[in-house]
Amino acid sequence: MAKQLVHHPDKSEMDRLFPAIRKYQALAAKHGIGDIFQDNGGKLLQALLILNLQCMSSREGNDAKDEDGDEYELKTVNVLLTQSFSTHHHLNPVILAKYRKVCAWYFSIYQGIELVEIYRIAPEKLEVDYFARWEKKWRDSGGKISTIQRYRLSMSALPVNWCLFRNRWAAGV
């Protein structure tokens, strides 16, 4: 005989909150984000709306574009979990060329789900310390390394004067 399913006491609270989550997902879908719980979808939506950008739905292309068609790469980090931004998980010269070509990179810093800051950085500012170093490693391997696994950009690479947005409500977070 099957065991009787007993729900956790917090399930009723989740059921109460779920209609608001559905509304958040509907807003995200309107902006090209299929799932707020996958690939930082909820955080991506927040950045898109703050920065007035449009989601580029392709998994292979850049993350966003503006009304002029300029493209952007968006990265997020939750400082409660890590202190660096991760790159594409199959980084290679083709992906690096894409990274170099964008108008700018936006780095969003979160504490949990609370957005704290967004930084804007031109790709040229990432060339020496990141792009060139990653490409050199790939070339030094003779192109045998088909994947440079999750190279990271340190939060220390974000000079304070490049901060574009600071969440005034997150000051106490």
Protein backbone atom coordinates (compact mmCIF):
# COMPACT_ATOMS: atom_id res chain seq x y z
CA MET A 1 0.00 0.00 0.00
CA ALA A 2 1.28 3.47 -0.94
CA LYS A 3 2.31 5.82 1.81
CA GLN A 4 -0.05 8.79 2.37
CA LEU A 5 1.41 12.03 0.97
CA VAL A 6 1.76 14.68 3.67
CA HIS A 7 2.58 18.22 2.51
CA HIS A 8 5.03 20.47 4.28
CA PRO A 9 3.27 23.12 6.41
CA ASP A 10 4.70 25.89 4.15
CA LYS A 11 2.97 24.50 1.05
CA SER A 12 -0.14 26.60 1.78
CA GLU A 13 2.06 29.74 1.87
CA MET A 14 3.61 28.76 -1.46
CA ASP A 15 0.12 28.22 -2.92
CA ARG A 16 -0.87 31.70 -1.69
CA LEU A 17 2.16 33.33 -3.33
CA PHE A 18 2.05 31.41 -6.60
CA PRO A 19 -0.43 33.70 -8.42
CA ALA A 20 2.07 36.57 -8.06
CA ILE A 21 4.83 34.31 -9.41
CA ARG A 22 2.62 33.51 -12.41
CA LYS A 23 2.21 37.26 -13.04
CA TYR A 24 5.98 37.71 -12.85
CA GLN A 25 6.42 34.89 -15.37
CA ALA A 26 3.82 36.46 -17.67
CA LEU A 27 5.77 39.75 -17.58
CA ALA A 28 8.98 37.86 -18.30
CA ALA A 29 7.38 36.02 -21.24
CA LYS A 30 6.31 39.39 -22.66
CA HIS A 31 10.02 40.27 -22.71
CA GLY A 32 11.22 37.01 -24.27
CA ILE A 33 12.14 35.10 -21.10
CA GLY A 34 10.63 31.63 -21.10
CA ASP A 35 11.28 30.67 -17.47
CA ILE A 36 12.10 33.00 -14.58
CA PHE A 37 13.56 30.05 -12.67
CA GLN A 38 16.10 29.05 -15.38
CA ASP A 39 19.36 30.77 -16.34
CA ASN A 40 18.75 33.75 -14.06
CA GLY A 41 15.55 34.57 -15.98
CA GLY A 42 14.03 36.61 -13.15
CA LYS A 43 17.22 38.60 -12.66
CA LEU A 44 17.63 39.08 -16.41
CA LEU A 45 14.12 40.56 -16.59
CA GLN A 46 14.96 43.03 -13.84
CA ALA A 47 18.13 44.17 -15.62
CA LEU A 48 16.36 44.45 -18.99
CA LEU A 49 13.67 46.70 -17.54
CA ILE A 50 16.11 48.90 -15.57
CA LEU A 51 18.43 49.28 -18.57
CA ASN A 52 15.61 49.58 -21.15
CA LEU A 53 16.97 46.68 -23.20
CA GLN A 54 15.27 43.91 -25.17
CA CYS A 55 16.01 40.23 -24.63
CA MET A 56 17.67 38.42 -27.50
CA SER A 57 16.05 35.02 -27.23
CA SER A 58 18.77 33.00 -28.97
CA ARG A 59 20.93 30.86 -26.70
CA GLU A 60 23.87 31.34 -29.09
CA GLY A 61 23.80 35.13 -29.46
CA ASN A 62 24.31 38.01 -27.10
CA ASP A 63 21.89 38.60 -24.24
CA ALA A 64 20.22 41.90 -25.09
CA LYS A 65 19.95 44.77 -27.53
CA ASP A 66 18.84 48.38 -27.32
CA GLU A 67 16.42 50.27 -29.55
CA ASP A 68 19.28 51.12 -31.94
CA GLY A 69 20.20 47.45 -32.36
CA ASP A 70 23.42 47.63 -30.33
CA GLU A 71 24.04 44.34 -28.53
CA TYR A 72 25.06 43.70 -24.91
CA GLU A 73 26.32 40.87 -22.75
CA LEU A 74 24.68 40.63 -19.31
CA LYS A 75 26.19 38.81 -16.34
CA THR A 76 24.87 38.35 -12.81
CA VAL A 77 26.45 37.26 -9.57
CA ASN A 78 24.94 36.45 -6.20
CA VAL A 79 27.60 37.54 -3.71
CA LEU A 80 26.13 35.24 -1.08
CA LEU A 81 27.30 32.32 -3.26
CA THR A 82 30.40 33.51 -5.17
CA GLN A 83 32.56 36.57 -5.82
CA SER A 84 32.98 36.22 -9.58
CA PHE A 85 30.97 36.23 -12.80
CA SER A 86 31.11 33.08 -14.92
CA THR A 87 31.51 33.06 -18.69
CA HIS A 88 30.04 30.89 -21.42
CA HIS A 89 30.63 27.23 -20.57
CA HIS A 90 32.16 26.50 -24.01
CA LEU A 91 34.47 29.50 -24.25
CA ASN A 92 36.56 29.47 -27.44
CA PRO A 93 37.79 32.03 -30.02
CA VAL A 94 34.36 32.22 -31.69
CA ILE A 95 32.67 33.09 -28.38
CA LEU A 96 35.50 35.50 -27.52
CA ALA A 97 34.94 37.30 -30.84
CA LYS A 98 31.27 37.67 -29.88
CA TYR A 99 32.28 39.01 -26.45
CA ARG A 100 34.61 41.58 -28.03
CA LYS A 101 31.96 42.77 -30.49
CA VAL A 102 29.23 43.87 -28.07
CA CYS A 103 28.61 47.52 -27.32
CA ALA A 104 29.07 46.93 -23.58
CA TRP A 105 28.90 44.40 -20.78
CA TYR A 106 26.51 44.87 -17.87
CA PHE A 107 27.43 43.19 -14.59
CA SER A 108 24.60 42.95 -12.04
CA ILE A 109 25.51 42.25 -8.43
CA TYR A 110 22.90 40.59 -6.22
CA GLN A 111 22.70 39.63 -2.57
CA GLY A 112 20.31 36.71 -2.82
CA ILE A 113 17.45 38.04 -4.94
CA GLU A 114 18.11 41.70 -4.12
CA LEU A 115 19.80 43.70 -6.88
CA VAL A 116 22.52 45.86 -5.35
CA GLU A 117 24.41 47.39 -8.31
CA ILE A 118 24.81 47.29 -12.08
CA TYR A 119 28.12 48.11 -13.76
CA ARG A 120 28.63 48.98 -17.45
CA ILE A 121 31.98 48.11 -18.99
CA ALA A 122 33.20 48.49 -22.57
CA PRO A 123 34.67 45.26 -23.96
CA GLU A 124 38.01 47.00 -24.55
CA LYS A 125 38.40 47.32 -20.77
CA LEU A 126 38.24 43.51 -20.50
CA GLU A 127 40.69 42.76 -23.32
CA VAL A 128 44.08 42.54 -21.58
CA ASP A 129 43.12 40.95 -18.27
CA TYR A 130 40.48 38.59 -19.61
CA PHE A 131 39.84 38.09 -23.34
CA ALA A 132 43.48 38.04 -24.48
CA ARG A 133 44.51 35.79 -21.59
CA TRP A 134 41.71 33.31 -22.27
CA GLU A 135 42.47 33.24 -26.00
CA LYS A 136 46.19 32.73 -25.32
CA LYS A 137 45.42 29.73 -23.15
CA TRP A 138 43.29 28.24 -25.93
CA ARG A 139 45.98 28.91 -28.59
CA ASP A 140 48.81 27.62 -26.34
CA SER A 141 46.98 24.31 -26.20
CA GLY A 142 47.17 24.15 -29.99
CA GLY A 143 43.43 24.52 -30.15
CA LYS A 144 43.14 21.15 -28.44
CA ILE A 145 41.22 22.63 -25.57
CA SER A 146 37.81 22.78 -27.17
CA THR A 147 36.34 24.21 -24.04
CA ILE A 148 37.77 26.65 -21.55
CA GLN A 149 35.59 25.66 -18.65
CA ARG A 150 33.74 28.51 -16.97
CA TYR A 151 36.39 31.16 -16.88
CA ARG A 152 35.48 33.81 -14.37
CA LEU A 153 35.61 37.57 -14.14
CA SER A 154 36.41 38.79 -10.67
CA MET A 155 34.19 41.39 -9.03
CA SER A 156 37.42 43.27 -8.28
CA ALA A 157 37.54 44.08 -12.03
CA LEU A 158 34.64 46.49 -11.52
CA PRO A 159 35.96 49.95 -10.63
CA VAL A 160 33.52 51.86 -8.47
CA ASN A 161 33.25 54.72 -10.98
CA TRP A 162 31.77 52.30 -13.55
CA CYS A 163 28.69 51.72 -11.39
CA LEU A 164 25.67 52.70 -13.45
CA PHE A 165 22.89 51.78 -11.04
CA ARG A 166 22.75 51.40 -7.25
CA ASN A 167 19.62 50.10 -5.56
CA ARG A 168 18.84 52.56 -2.81
CA TRP A 169 16.69 49.96 -1.02
CA ALA A 170 19.52 47.43 -0.94
CA ALA A 171 21.79 49.62 1.17
CA GLY A 172 20.99 47.57 4.28
CA VAL A 173 21.18 44.23 2.48
